Amino acid sequence: MATIPSFDSSQFFSDSWLDESECINAPQQERGRQTLIKILVAAKKLFLSKGFDETTIMEISRLSGISVGSIYHRFPDKTAIFLAIHEAYRKARIEQIDEAIARQKRAIQSAVDVLSFHVGIVFDAARNDQIYLRLVERQRISNPLVNDLQLQWDDDFCKKLLSLYLPHKKQIKHPDLEQAIRYLHHTLRGVTLWSILPSPSPHQFLNVDQEDFQEQAYRMSAMYLGIKVSSTRARAAP
């Protein structure tokens, strides 16, 4: 099964991300790097527990043990801290998805296998990162840059998926495969996000923790692509 576990802070803020970051200038000295990570770890914890708007720089300072002045020396404002966190999250997710694709390539024998993998990735991410995804969606509404970053990420992921679908194009009855993958992925992502915004309640119709939801999303996706399926495959990624 294709699974996307949630990340802990040590996975978020790796040395490779610090050196390749486009959002921050990573210090070369270990002490400076650890200071930066303490700020980001504290901010991430507060953003997830309290929300972005409700978190203050003073609270980040208290939790991280880093002075307010030192925080402002590294970040002009709270939004810059969030963008750094989101960049780290995106890069960690991309790396993990690339590893999952590499592991699954030999096992993928048909368009059914690709679709099962695709649906599994979307649902696993929604299940395991609900709080973080809610935070991101709220920021997309108020910050065009966050929205642009997410759209670019989705577009890049669609290209990765297209490379998996293409070898099985003859099994897919859609005239424009590239467009179909984009529509399908954004629809899947949209409906899973809708199901976790706000927190699922007993009265909510869709819930990503319910297997039937994923199964029906898989079957509707297969119908849209024109892929014939004969058995339950939504939870059985190759």
Protein backbone atom coordinates (compact mmCIF):
# COMPACT_ATOMS: atom_id res chain seq x y z
CA MET A 1 0.00 0.00 0.00
CA ALA A 2 1.17 3.54 -0.72
CA THR A 3 1.33 5.29 2.63
CA ILE A 4 2.26 8.85 3.52
CA PRO A 5 3.06 9.07 7.25
CA SER A 6 3.01 12.38 9.04
CA PHE A 7 6.35 14.10 9.57
CA ASP A 8 7.97 14.97 12.86
CA SER A 9 10.00 18.13 13.23
CA SER A 10 13.35 16.44 12.69
CA GLN A 11 12.21 15.29 9.25
CA PHE A 12 10.80 18.70 8.41
CA PHE A 13 13.97 20.66 9.00
CA SER A 14 16.80 18.51 7.64
CA ASP A 15 20.30 19.73 6.87
CA SER A 16 19.70 19.25 3.14
CA TRP A 17 16.65 21.50 3.28
CA LEU A 18 18.52 24.21 5.19
CA ASP A 19 21.27 24.32 2.58
CA GLU A 20 18.86 24.31 -0.38
CA SER A 21 16.17 26.59 1.04
CA GLU A 22 14.89 29.44 -1.10
CA CYS A 23 13.18 31.10 1.88
CA ILE A 24 16.08 31.55 4.27
CA ASN A 25 19.82 32.02 4.30
CA ALA A 26 21.05 29.05 6.29
CA PRO A 27 23.82 29.85 8.80
CA GLN A 28 27.05 27.97 8.28
CA GLN A 29 27.84 27.62 11.97
CA GLU A 30 26.12 24.77 13.81
CA ARG A 31 24.97 27.05 16.64
CA GLY A 32 23.22 29.36 14.20
CA ARG A 33 21.57 26.43 12.44
CA GLN A 34 20.28 25.01 15.70
CA THR A 35 18.88 28.42 16.66
CA LEU A 36 17.04 28.59 13.37
CA ILE A 37 15.62 25.09 13.79
CA LYS A 38 14.45 25.86 17.35
CA ILE A 39 12.50 28.85 16.03
CA LEU A 40 10.89 26.81 13.25
CA VAL A 41 10.03 23.85 15.47
CA ALA A 42 8.42 26.12 18.06
CA ALA A 43 6.51 28.10 15.44
CA LYS A 44 5.27 24.93 13.75
CA LYS A 45 4.01 23.56 17.07
CA LEU A 46 2.20 26.81 17.90
CA PHE A 47 0.73 27.26 14.42
CA LEU A 48 -0.69 23.74 14.55
CA SER A 49 -2.03 23.98 18.09
CA LYS A 50 -3.28 27.58 18.15
CA GLY A 51 -3.48 28.71 14.54
CA PHE A 52 -1.38 31.18 12.58
CA ASP A 53 -3.28 34.35 13.46
CA GLU A 54 -3.47 33.47 17.16
CA THR A 55 0.28 32.84 17.49
CA THR A 56 2.59 35.72 18.40
CA ILE A 57 6.32 36.18 17.97
CA MET A 58 6.56 36.52 21.76
CA GLU A 59 5.03 33.05 22.18
CA ILE A 60 7.44 31.60 19.61
CA SER A 61 10.26 33.24 21.58
CA ARG A 62 9.12 31.75 24.88
CA LEU A 63 8.65 28.22 23.49
CA SER A 64 11.90 28.19 21.50
CA GLY A 65 14.03 29.89 24.13
CA ILE A 66 15.25 32.31 21.45
CA SER A 67 14.96 36.06 22.04
CA VAL A 68 12.48 38.13 20.06
CA GLY A 69 15.37 40.15 18.65
CA SER A 70 17.13 37.02 17.41
CA ILE A 71 13.93 35.82 15.75
CA TYR A 72 13.48 39.13 13.93
CA HIS A 73 17.15 39.01 12.94
CA ARG A 74 16.36 35.86 10.95
CA PHE A 75 12.76 36.51 9.88
CA PRO A 76 11.14 39.85 9.02
CA ASP A 77 7.72 38.69 10.24
CA LYS A 78 5.54 35.73 11.17
CA THR A 79 4.57 35.09 7.54
CA ALA A 80 8.22 34.54 6.61
CA ILE A 81 8.44 31.90 9.35
CA PHE A 82 5.37 30.13 7.97
CA LEU A 83 6.74 30.20 4.41
CA ALA A 84 9.96 28.56 5.61
CA ILE A 85 7.97 25.86 7.40
CA HIS A 86 5.82 25.26 4.34
CA GLU A 87 8.84 25.03 2.07
CA ALA A 88 10.38 22.43 4.37
CA TYR A 89 7.12 20.47 4.40
CA ARG A 90 6.76 20.57 0.62
CA LYS A 91 10.32 19.43 -0.03
CA ALA A 92 10.07 16.63 2.51
CA ARG A 93 6.80 15.46 0.95
CA ILE A 94 8.25 15.59 -2.58
CA GLU A 95 11.21 13.50 -1.48
CA GLN A 96 8.94 10.95 0.16
CA ILE A 97 6.60 10.75 -2.85
CA ASP A 98 9.58 10.29 -5.19
CA GLU A 99 10.77 7.43 -3.00
CA ALA A 100 7.27 5.88 -3.02
CA ILE A 101 7.11 6.13 -6.82
CA ALA A 102 10.53 4.52 -7.18
CA ARG A 103 9.48 1.66 -4.90
CA GLN A 104 6.21 1.08 -6.74
CA LYS A 105 7.37 1.35 -10.36
CA ARG A 106 8.20 -2.33 -10.78
CA ALA A 107 4.96 -3.41 -9.13
CA ILE A 108 2.78 -1.18 -11.30
CA GLN A 109 1.50 -3.36 -14.11
CA SER A 110 -1.62 -1.52 -15.28
CA ALA A 111 -3.59 1.71 -15.23
CA VAL A 112 -5.59 0.22 -12.35
CA ASP A 113 -2.40 -0.01 -10.29
CA VAL A 114 -1.48 3.60 -11.05
CA LEU A 115 -4.93 4.84 -10.11
CA SER A 116 -4.87 2.87 -6.86
CA PHE A 117 -1.48 4.40 -6.05
CA HIS A 118 -2.73 7.89 -6.96
CA VAL A 119 -5.86 7.72 -4.83
CA GLY A 120 -3.93 6.15 -1.94
CA ILE A 121 -1.36 8.96 -1.89
CA VAL A 122 -4.04 11.68 -1.78
CA PHE A 123 -6.08 10.02 0.95
CA ASP A 124 -3.10 9.08 3.11
CA ALA A 125 -1.82 12.66 3.03
CA ALA A 126 -5.26 14.00 3.99
CA ARG A 127 -5.59 11.50 6.84
CA ASN A 128 -2.15 11.99 8.33
CA ASP A 129 -1.67 15.74 7.92
CA GLN A 130 -5.17 17.05 8.60
CA ILE A 131 -4.17 19.81 11.01
CA TYR A 132 -1.32 21.03 8.84
CA LEU A 133 -3.40 20.98 5.65
CA ARG A 134 -6.12 23.01 7.36
CA LEU A 135 -3.47 25.54 8.34
CA VAL A 136 -2.19 25.74 4.74
CA GLU A 137 -5.67 26.17 3.26
CA ARG A 138 -6.40 29.08 5.58
CA GLN A 139 -3.14 30.71 4.52
CA ARG A 140 -3.96 30.19 0.83
CA ILE A 141 -7.03 32.38 1.27
CA SER A 142 -5.10 35.33 2.69
CA ASN A 143 -1.66 34.91 1.11
CA PRO A 144 -1.40 34.71 -2.71
CA LEU A 145 2.19 33.44 -2.45
CA VAL A 146 1.11 30.40 -0.45
CA ASN A 147 -1.61 29.77 -3.01
CA ASP A 148 0.88 30.02 -5.89
CA LEU A 149 3.29 27.64 -4.15
CA GLN A 150 0.52 25.09 -3.62
CA LEU A 151 -0.65 25.34 -7.23
CA GLN A 152 2.91 24.81 -8.46
CA TRP A 153 3.32 21.83 -6.16
CA ASP A 154 0.09 20.28 -7.44
CA ASP A 155 1.19 20.87 -11.02
CA ASP A 156 4.55 19.18 -10.41
CA PHE A 157 2.81 16.23 -8.78
CA CYS A 158 0.46 15.89 -11.76
CA LYS A 159 3.50 15.63 -14.03
CA LYS A 160 4.91 12.83 -11.87
CA LEU A 161 1.58 11.03 -12.04
CA LEU A 162 1.36 11.50 -15.80
CA SER A 163 4.70 9.71 -16.20
CA LEU A 164 3.17 6.73 -14.38
CA TYR A 165 -0.07 6.74 -16.36
CA LEU A 166 1.51 7.17 -19.81
CA PRO A 167 2.89 3.60 -20.24
CA HIS A 168 -0.70 2.35 -19.73
CA LYS A 169 -2.38 4.95 -21.93
CA LYS A 170 -4.10 2.29 -24.08
CA GLN A 171 -6.06 1.14 -21.02
CA ILE A 172 -7.41 4.66 -20.44
CA LYS A 173 -10.39 5.83 -22.49
CA HIS A 174 -9.94 9.56 -22.10
CA PRO A 175 -8.97 11.62 -25.17
CA ASP A 176 -6.67 14.03 -23.32
CA LEU A 177 -4.73 12.16 -20.62
CA GLU A 178 -2.71 15.13 -19.38
CA GLN A 179 -5.80 17.26 -18.87
CA ALA A 180 -7.66 14.32 -17.33
CA ILE A 181 -4.92 13.76 -14.71
CA ARG A 182 -4.95 17.43 -13.76
CA TYR A 183 -8.73 17.52 -13.39
CA LEU A 184 -8.76 14.25 -11.51
CA HIS A 185 -5.99 15.13 -9.09
CA HIS A 186 -7.40 18.55 -8.23
CA THR A 187 -10.84 17.01 -7.76
CA LEU A 188 -9.50 14.30 -5.46
CA ARG A 189 -7.44 16.77 -3.49
CA GLY A 190 -10.37 19.18 -3.27
CA VAL A 191 -12.86 16.64 -1.98
CA THR A 192 -10.45 15.24 0.60
CA LEU A 193 -9.65 18.76 1.81
CA TRP A 194 -13.35 19.54 2.02
CA SER A 195 -13.82 16.48 4.21
CA ILE A 196 -11.26 17.72 6.77
CA LEU A 197 -12.28 21.41 6.78
CA PRO A 198 -13.26 21.96 9.53
CA SER A 199 -12.45 18.99 11.74
CA PRO A 200 -14.66 16.02 10.81
CA SER A 201 -17.77 15.63 12.98
CA PRO A 202 -20.15 12.67 13.39
CA HIS A 203 -22.62 14.51 11.16
CA GLN A 204 -20.19 15.14 8.29
CA PHE A 205 -21.04 13.19 5.16
CA LEU A 206 -17.47 12.57 3.98
CA ASN A 207 -14.65 11.46 6.25
CA VAL A 208 -11.21 10.42 4.99
CA ASP A 209 -10.97 7.83 7.76
CA GLN A 210 -13.86 5.88 6.26
CA GLU A 211 -12.69 3.27 3.74
CA ASP A 212 -15.91 3.54 1.74
CA PHE A 213 -15.12 7.17 0.93
CA GLN A 214 -11.78 6.22 -0.60
CA GLU A 215 -13.32 3.25 -2.41
CA GLN A 216 -16.06 5.36 -3.99
CA ALA A 217 -13.56 8.09 -4.94
CA TYR A 218 -11.45 5.40 -6.60
CA ARG A 219 -14.39 3.97 -8.55
CA MET A 220 -15.60 7.40 -9.70
CA SER A 221 -12.03 8.21 -10.79
CA ALA A 222 -11.87 4.98 -12.77
CA MET A 223 -15.15 5.83 -14.52
CA TYR A 224 -13.87 9.31 -15.40
CA LEU A 225 -10.66 7.92 -16.90
CA GLY A 226 -12.47 5.05 -18.59
CA ILE A 227 -10.48 2.41 -16.71
CA LYS A 228 -12.20 -0.92 -16.19
CA VAL A 229 -12.07 -2.21 -12.62
CA SER A 230 -13.41 -5.52 -11.40
CA SER A 231 -12.69 -5.54 -7.67
CA THR A 232 -11.96 -3.33 -4.67
CA ARG A 233 -8.57 -1.77 -5.24
CA ALA A 234 -8.66 1.64 -3.53
CA ARG A 235 -6.88 0.38 -0.41
CA ALA A 236 -4.60 -2.01 -2.27
CA ALA A 237 -1.95 0.10 -3.93
CA PRO A 238 0.72 -2.04 -5.66
